C-alpha cells in the first residue's frame, strides 16, 4: 500500500461529545434522545436516522441488561472537513465468551451482549468489538452522513490508524483535554494537550494547542511543533503537552513533551515510556528536548492525560494490539482508572500501513 495522507483527526468540539451511564433500562431512552440530537446536527434523517436510533437503543439496552458499570460515549468525530456520528460502549464485565457466535442473529445468552450485536454491526458504516470473559467489552459503531459515504471500496480500508477519546469532568460542560493527529506520507504526527485545571479556561488552552499544531507544516520535528505550541499558549493558562512523530517504516518514534502527559510505546512484549521535561507549556518550557525511540513492529503508541492512571496493560489483552485504534483507546480509558479531572487518550496503531 502506498503512502497515505489524511486531514487532522481532532477531539470533539464543546457540546459534540456526551457521556451517558447506562446501568438501568430507563437509560436507553436518554441515549436515544441524545444521539438523535447529534445525528440531526449532521443532517441525518428519515430511515437512516431510524437505523441510528435502533442501533444506539439496542446497544444501551444490552448494557443495562447484561453489563456491569456500563457507559456510552456519544459524539461527533471529525477528520479534516469530514464528520461522522459515533457511539462507544464500555463496561467492566461479564464479557462475551464467543464474539463470532454472538454476532449470529437471534443469539442471546444471559451475561453476554449477544442480543442485537450482529444488527448493530450491519447498521453501522464501521464498527468493532473487543471482549474478554470476566473483564468486559468495548464496542463502537460509526455512521457517516450520506454525502460523506464513498461509493467503493469500503471506507474502512482507508481509515487512518488514529483514534482518541475525551471525557469531561463531571459537572463541567467543556473538556480541558484535546488531541489532534494526522497521517502524512507514512508517518503520524500527533499532539495531546491537558489544559491546566479544568473547565472553560483549560479548554481554551487546549484549543490553542490544537490550532498551533495545525499551523505547523507537516512533516515537522516534534520539538519544533512543541515550541510553536508553547508560544501560542502564552496567552492562556497553559498546560501539559506531548507531541510525537510515529514512523513505522523507519522503526522509530520521535517525541517531545512538557509536563505530565503520559506517552507509551506498547509492543508485544512490553511497554516503554517516553520522557517529557518538567514545566508548563505556555509558561515555563525553556528546555524542550526531542528524543528518538525504537518502534517495534506492530506496536501501538498511546498518549494520555493525567486524568488517567498508569494502571493498564495492553499485553494482558490477547489480540488487542492488532485491532482498531478506537478499541485500544476505549480499553485504556476503561482500565486505567481515573482521577478527579478531564480524561483523554490517543492511540496510534502501526500494523498494516506505512
Protein backbone atom coordinates (compact mmCIF):
# COMPACT_ATOMS: atom_id res chain seq x y z
CA UNK A 1 0.00 0.00 0.00
CA UNK A 2 1.36 3.40 -0.95
CA UNK A 3 1.75 6.37 1.40
CA UNK A 4 -1.49 7.75 2.77
CA UNK A 5 -2.35 11.27 3.84
CA UNK A 6 -5.40 12.43 5.78
CA UNK A 7 -6.75 15.57 7.34
CA UNK A 8 -6.39 16.27 11.03
CA UNK A 9 -8.32 13.91 13.31
CA UNK A 10 -9.26 16.16 16.23
CA UNK A 11 -11.12 15.72 19.52
CA UNK A 12 -14.78 16.77 19.53
CA UNK A 13 -15.79 20.39 19.92
CA UNK A 14 -17.68 21.52 23.01
CA UNK A 15 -21.15 20.01 23.01
CA UNK A 16 -20.25 17.32 20.48
CA UNK A 17 -19.37 14.60 22.99
CA UNK A 18 -21.63 13.20 25.71
CA UNK A 19 -21.03 10.53 28.33
CA UNK A 20 -24.05 8.55 29.50
CA UNK A 21 -24.00 5.99 32.29
CA UNK A 22 -26.14 3.02 31.28
CA UNK A 23 -26.97 0.92 34.33
CA UNK A 24 -30.79 0.86 34.18
CA UNK A 25 -33.24 0.09 31.38
CA UNK A 26 -34.56 3.66 31.52
CA UNK A 27 -31.16 4.94 30.33
CA UNK A 28 -31.86 3.67 26.80
CA UNK A 29 -34.45 6.40 26.24
CA UNK A 30 -31.91 9.06 27.20
CA UNK A 31 -29.32 7.57 24.85
CA UNK A 32 -31.86 7.58 22.01
CA UNK A 33 -32.77 11.22 22.66
CA UNK A 34 -29.19 12.42 22.87
CA UNK A 35 -27.89 10.57 19.82
CA UNK A 36 -30.88 11.84 17.82
CA UNK A 37 -29.90 15.42 18.61
CA UNK A 38 -26.29 14.80 17.49
CA UNK A 39 -27.43 12.95 14.35
CA UNK A 40 -29.74 15.77 13.31
CA UNK A 41 -26.82 18.22 13.56
CA UNK A 42 -25.10 16.20 10.83
CA UNK A 43 -28.18 16.09 8.64
CA UNK A 44 -29.30 12.52 9.31
CA UNK A 45 -32.99 11.96 8.77
CA UNK A 46 -35.64 9.53 7.62
CA UNK A 47 -34.78 5.84 7.51
CA UNK A 48 -31.08 6.37 8.25
CA UNK A 49 -31.88 8.31 11.41
CA UNK A 50 -34.18 5.50 12.46
CA UNK A 51 -31.38 2.98 11.95
CA UNK A 52 -29.04 5.03 14.15
CA UNK A 53 -31.69 5.25 16.84
CA UNK A 54 -32.25 1.50 16.67
CA UNK A 55 -28.54 0.67 16.92
CA UNK A 56 -27.91 3.04 19.83
CA UNK A 57 -31.03 1.90 21.70
CA UNK A 58 -30.09 -1.76 21.20
CA UNK A 59 -26.56 -1.11 22.50
CA UNK A 60 -27.86 0.76 25.55
CA UNK A 61 -30.46 -1.93 26.29
CA UNK A 62 -27.80 -4.62 26.16
CA UNK A 63 -25.54 -2.68 28.52
CA UNK A 64 -28.31 -2.18 31.04
CA UNK A 65 -29.45 -5.79 30.83
CA UNK A 66 -26.17 -7.67 30.82
CA UNK A 67 -23.18 -5.47 31.71
CA UNK A 68 -21.57 -4.08 34.85
CA UNK A 69 -20.76 -0.35 35.10
CA UNK A 70 -21.81 0.22 31.51
CA UNK A 71 -21.50 3.60 29.85
CA UNK A 72 -21.71 5.07 26.37
CA UNK A 73 -19.84 7.94 24.74
CA UNK A 74 -21.92 9.63 22.05
CA UNK A 75 -20.00 12.01 19.82
CA UNK A 76 -19.32 13.68 16.52
CA UNK A 77 -15.87 12.76 15.18
CA UNK A 78 -14.02 14.87 12.65
CA UNK A 79 -11.29 14.01 10.17
CA UNK A 80 -10.33 17.07 8.18
CA UNK A 81 -13.53 18.51 6.75
CA UNK A 82 -15.49 15.28 7.18
CA UNK A 83 -17.67 14.49 10.19
CA UNK A 84 -19.32 11.30 11.38
CA UNK A 85 -21.51 10.17 14.26
CA UNK A 86 -20.23 7.56 16.67
CA UNK A 87 -21.10 5.77 19.87
CA UNK A 88 -18.65 3.85 22.05
CA UNK A 89 -19.77 1.36 24.72
CA UNK A 90 -17.54 0.25 27.58
CA UNK A 91 -18.24 -1.97 30.57
CA UNK A 92 -16.48 -3.97 33.28
CA UNK A 93 -17.99 -7.37 32.67
CA UNK A 94 -19.03 -10.09 32.35
CA UNK A 95 -17.74 -10.03 28.77
CA UNK A 96 -18.59 -12.15 25.75
CA UNK A 97 -17.33 -15.72 25.72
CA UNK A 98 -17.51 -16.13 21.91
CA UNK A 99 -17.69 -12.88 19.91
CA UNK A 100 -18.17 -14.52 16.44
CA UNK A 101 -21.09 -16.58 17.74
CA UNK A 102 -22.62 -13.54 19.44
CA UNK A 103 -22.90 -11.85 16.02
CA UNK A 104 -25.38 -14.50 14.90
CA UNK A 105 -28.92 -13.19 14.53
CA UNK A 106 -31.13 -14.16 17.45
CA UNK A 107 -28.24 -15.29 19.65
CA UNK A 108 -28.55 -14.22 23.27
CA UNK A 109 -27.24 -15.75 26.46
CA UNK A 110 -27.54 -14.25 29.91
CA UNK A 111 -24.31 -12.50 30.75
CA UNK A 112 -23.43 -11.55 27.17
CA UNK A 113 -24.07 -8.65 24.85
CA UNK A 114 -25.15 -11.08 22.14
CA UNK A 115 -28.64 -9.72 21.52
CA UNK A 116 -28.51 -7.24 18.64
CA UNK A 117 -24.74 -7.24 18.13
CA UNK A 118 -25.00 -8.51 14.56
CA UNK A 119 -27.66 -5.96 13.69
CA UNK A 120 -25.63 -3.10 15.19
CA UNK A 121 -22.67 -4.06 13.01
CA UNK A 122 -24.84 -4.21 9.87
CA UNK A 123 -26.45 -0.85 10.54
CA UNK A 124 -23.14 0.94 11.15
CA UNK A 125 -20.74 2.07 8.40
CA UNK A 126 -17.84 0.97 10.62
CA UNK A 127 -17.85 -0.97 13.86
CA UNK A 128 -15.67 -3.04 16.15
CA UNK A 129 -15.89 -5.08 19.31
CA UNK A 130 -13.35 -6.50 21.72
CA UNK A 131 -14.32 -8.57 24.73
CA UNK A 132 -12.85 -10.80 27.41
CA UNK A 133 -14.86 -13.00 29.75
CA UNK A 134 -14.99 -11.63 33.31
CA UNK A 135 -13.13 -8.49 32.19
CA UNK A 136 -15.55 -6.58 29.98
CA UNK A 137 -16.40 -5.41 26.49
CA UNK A 138 -15.70 -2.38 24.33
CA UNK A 139 -17.84 -1.75 21.26
CA UNK A 140 -18.12 1.11 18.81
CA UNK A 141 -20.31 1.97 15.84
CA UNK A 142 -19.76 4.83 13.41
CA UNK A 143 -22.28 6.35 10.99
CA UNK A 144 -21.30 8.64 8.11
CA UNK A 145 -23.73 11.21 6.70
CA UNK A 146 -24.95 10.05 3.26
CA UNK A 147 -22.99 12.69 1.38
CA UNK A 148 -19.76 11.54 3.06
CA UNK A 149 -20.08 7.82 2.30
CA UNK A 150 -17.73 6.97 -0.61
CA UNK A 151 -19.01 4.53 -3.23
CA UNK A 152 -16.34 1.80 -3.20
CA UNK A 153 -14.12 0.33 -1.95
CA UNK A 154 -15.41 0.39 1.64
CA UNK A 155 -14.11 3.35 3.62
CA UNK A 156 -12.79 1.06 6.36
CA UNK A 157 -9.81 0.20 4.16
CA UNK A 158 -8.74 3.85 4.05
CA UNK A 159 -9.42 4.90 7.63
CA UNK A 160 -6.38 6.37 9.37
CA UNK A 161 -4.74 4.37 12.19
CA UNK A 162 -5.62 7.06 14.73
CA UNK A 163 -8.33 7.27 17.37
CA UNK A 164 -8.83 9.21 20.55
CA UNK A 165 -11.38 9.72 23.30
CA UNK A 166 -12.05 12.58 25.69
CA UNK A 167 -14.25 12.57 28.80
CA UNK A 168 -15.21 15.79 30.53
CA UNK A 169 -15.02 16.05 34.31
CA UNK A 170 -18.47 15.57 35.83
CA UNK A 171 -20.17 18.93 36.25
CA UNK A 172 -18.20 20.68 33.51
CA UNK A 173 -19.51 21.46 30.01
CA UNK A 174 -16.13 21.80 28.29
CA UNK A 175 -13.23 19.36 28.28
CA UNK A 176 -9.83 20.78 29.18
CA UNK A 177 -8.06 18.00 27.25
CA UNK A 178 -7.70 17.92 23.47
CA UNK A 179 -5.83 15.95 20.84
CA UNK A 180 -5.13 16.14 17.14
CA UNK A 181 -3.27 13.83 14.77
CA UNK A 182 -2.61 13.42 11.07
CA UNK A 183 -1.23 10.73 8.79
CA UNK A 184 1.21 12.20 6.25
CA UNK A 185 3.33 10.16 3.83
CA UNK A 186 3.58 7.11 6.05
CA UNK A 187 4.02 8.86 9.40
CA UNK A 188 1.56 10.01 12.04
CA UNK A 189 2.07 13.39 13.69
CA UNK A 190 0.16 13.55 16.97
CA UNK A 191 -0.38 16.06 19.78
CA UNK A 192 -2.26 15.75 23.07
CA UNK A 193 -2.75 18.66 25.45
CA UNK A 194 -4.03 18.64 29.04
CA UNK A 195 -5.03 22.24 29.77
CA UNK A 196 -4.13 23.30 33.30
CA UNK A 197 -7.05 22.62 35.63
CA UNK A 198 -10.43 22.06 34.03
CA UNK A 199 -13.41 24.00 32.71
CA UNK A 200 -13.55 26.76 30.05
CA UNK A 201 -10.07 28.18 30.72
CA UNK A 202 -8.44 24.76 30.43
CA UNK A 203 -10.44 24.12 27.25
CA UNK A 204 -9.26 27.43 25.81
CA UNK A 205 -5.63 26.45 26.44
CA UNK A 206 -6.14 23.05 24.81
CA UNK A 207 -7.80 24.61 21.75
CA UNK A 208 -4.82 26.93 21.37
CA UNK A 209 -2.51 23.91 21.35
CA UNK A 210 -4.58 22.27 18.62
CA UNK A 211 -4.58 25.41 16.47
CA UNK A 212 -0.83 25.80 16.85
CA UNK A 213 -0.25 22.19 15.82
CA UNK A 214 -2.32 22.72 12.68
CA UNK A 215 -0.34 25.82 11.81
CA UNK A 216 2.98 23.97 11.64
CA UNK A 217 3.61 22.39 8.26
CA UNK A 218 3.76 18.59 8.29
CA UNK A 219 6.16 16.92 8.43
CA UNK A 220 7.92 18.82 11.21
CA UNK A 221 10.07 17.78 14.13
CA UNK A 222 8.11 17.26 17.36
CA UNK A 223 10.35 19.71 19.21
CA UNK A 224 9.57 22.41 16.65
CA UNK A 225 5.84 21.74 16.93
CA UNK A 226 6.06 21.88 20.71
CA UNK A 227 7.90 25.22 20.61
CA UNK A 228 5.15 26.65 18.40
CA UNK A 229 2.50 25.29 20.78
CA UNK A 230 4.37 26.81 23.73
CA UNK A 231 4.37 30.25 22.11
CA UNK A 232 0.71 30.03 21.10
CA UNK A 233 -0.37 29.02 24.61
CA UNK A 234 1.38 32.00 26.25
CA UNK A 235 -1.91 33.95 26.35
CA UNK A 236 -3.66 31.05 28.11
CA UNK A 237 -3.24 29.35 31.48
CA UNK A 238 -1.04 26.75 29.74
CA UNK A 239 -0.92 23.01 30.16
CA UNK A 240 0.93 19.76 29.63
CA UNK A 241 1.64 18.86 26.00
CA UNK A 242 3.07 15.82 24.23
CA UNK A 243 3.99 15.69 20.53
CA UNK A 244 5.01 12.53 18.68
CA UNK A 245 6.03 11.57 15.16
CA UNK A 246 5.35 7.86 14.64
CA UNK A 247 7.35 6.42 11.72
CA UNK A 248 6.83 2.66 11.19
CA UNK A 249 8.99 2.50 8.06
CA UNK A 250 11.93 3.92 10.00
CA UNK A 251 11.12 1.86 13.08
CA UNK A 252 11.13 4.87 15.37
CA UNK A 253 9.11 7.40 17.33
CA UNK A 254 10.36 10.95 17.76
CA UNK A 255 8.92 12.60 20.83
CA UNK A 256 8.93 15.89 22.74
CA UNK A 257 6.84 16.69 25.79
CA UNK A 258 6.39 19.25 28.56
CA UNK A 259 4.54 18.33 31.73
CA UNK A 260 2.78 15.15 32.76
CA UNK A 261 1.06 13.80 29.66
CA UNK A 262 1.92 10.09 29.65
CA UNK A 263 3.43 8.70 26.45
CA UNK A 264 3.96 5.00 25.79
CA UNK A 265 5.21 2.66 23.07
CA UNK A 266 3.40 -0.63 23.58
CA UNK A 267 4.87 -3.66 21.83
CA UNK A 268 4.03 -7.36 22.00
CA UNK A 269 6.43 -7.89 24.91
CA UNK A 270 6.43 -4.68 26.94
CA UNK A 271 5.60 -1.00 27.05
CA UNK A 272 8.19 1.78 27.15
CA UNK A 273 7.61 5.25 28.49
CA UNK A 274 8.80 8.36 26.66
CA UNK A 275 10.37 11.26 28.50
CA UNK A 276 8.83 14.72 28.95
CA UNK A 277 10.59 17.62 30.63
CA UNK A 278 9.08 19.35 33.67
CA UNK A 279 7.20 22.55 33.06
CA UNK A 280 4.01 24.11 31.70
CA UNK A 281 3.61 24.78 28.00
CA UNK A 282 2.76 28.45 27.61
CA UNK A 283 4.56 29.43 30.80
CA UNK A 284 7.74 27.54 31.71
CA UNK A 285 9.18 25.30 28.99
CA UNK A 286 12.69 26.55 28.34
CA UNK A 287 14.32 23.11 28.00
CA UNK A 288 12.29 21.49 25.22
CA UNK A 289 14.08 18.37 24.06
CA UNK A 290 13.37 15.73 21.46
CA UNK A 291 14.15 12.03 21.90
CA UNK A 292 14.03 9.12 19.47
CA UNK A 293 12.79 5.66 20.47
CA UNK A 294 12.74 2.31 18.74
CA UNK A 295 9.30 1.34 17.43
CA UNK A 296 8.77 -2.45 17.39
CA UNK A 297 6.83 -3.95 14.51
CA UNK A 298 3.11 -3.91 15.25
CA UNK A 299 3.48 -1.64 18.28
CA UNK A 300 0.91 0.92 19.42
CA UNK A 301 1.72 4.45 20.60
CA UNK A 302 -0.55 5.70 23.40
CA UNK A 303 -0.72 9.24 24.78
CA UNK A 304 -3.00 10.09 27.70
CA UNK A 305 -3.57 12.87 30.18
CA UNK A 306 -3.00 12.52 33.91
CA UNK A 307 -6.76 12.18 34.36
CA UNK A 308 -5.91 8.51 33.77
CA UNK A 309 -3.60 6.49 35.97
CA UNK A 310 -0.89 4.14 34.71
CA UNK A 311 -2.85 1.04 35.77
CA UNK A 312 -3.35 -0.56 32.38
CA UNK A 313 -1.55 -3.25 30.38
CA UNK A 314 -2.40 -3.98 26.75
CA UNK A 315 -0.17 -7.04 26.94
CA UNK A 316 -2.85 -8.53 29.22
CA UNK A 317 -5.41 -8.19 26.40
CA UNK A 318 -4.83 -11.03 23.88
CA UNK A 319 -5.13 -9.91 20.28
CA UNK A 320 -5.89 -6.28 21.04
CA UNK A 321 -2.63 -4.81 19.70
CA UNK A 322 -3.58 -5.64 16.12
CA UNK A 323 -7.10 -4.22 16.37
CA UNK A 324 -8.75 -0.90 15.61
CA UNK A 325 -7.14 2.03 17.48
CA UNK A 326 -10.53 3.08 18.85
CA UNK A 327 -10.93 -0.29 20.59
CA UNK A 328 -7.47 0.22 22.11
CA UNK A 329 -8.23 3.77 23.24
CA UNK A 330 -11.53 2.67 24.78
CA UNK A 331 -9.86 -0.23 26.60
CA UNK A 332 -7.21 2.08 28.09
CA UNK A 333 -9.89 4.58 29.11
CA UNK A 334 -11.82 1.81 30.88
CA UNK A 335 -8.86 0.07 32.53
CA UNK A 336 -6.65 2.97 33.56
CA UNK A 337 -8.85 4.20 36.35
CA UNK A 338 -9.46 7.91 36.76
CA UNK A 339 -8.65 10.88 38.89
CA UNK A 340 -10.91 13.89 39.55
CA UNK A 341 -10.09 15.53 36.22
CA UNK A 342 -10.82 15.54 32.50
CA UNK A 343 -9.60 12.41 30.74
CA UNK A 344 -8.18 11.87 27.27
CA UNK A 345 -6.37 9.11 25.40
CA UNK A 346 -5.00 8.92 21.87
CA UNK A 347 -3.92 5.64 20.24
CA UNK A 348 -1.92 5.22 17.03
CA UNK A 349 -1.53 1.72 15.59
CA UNK A 350 1.28 0.71 13.23
CA UNK A 351 0.04 -2.57 11.73
CA UNK A 352 -0.89 -2.60 8.04
CA UNK A 353 0.24 0.85 6.93
CA UNK A 354 3.37 2.94 6.43
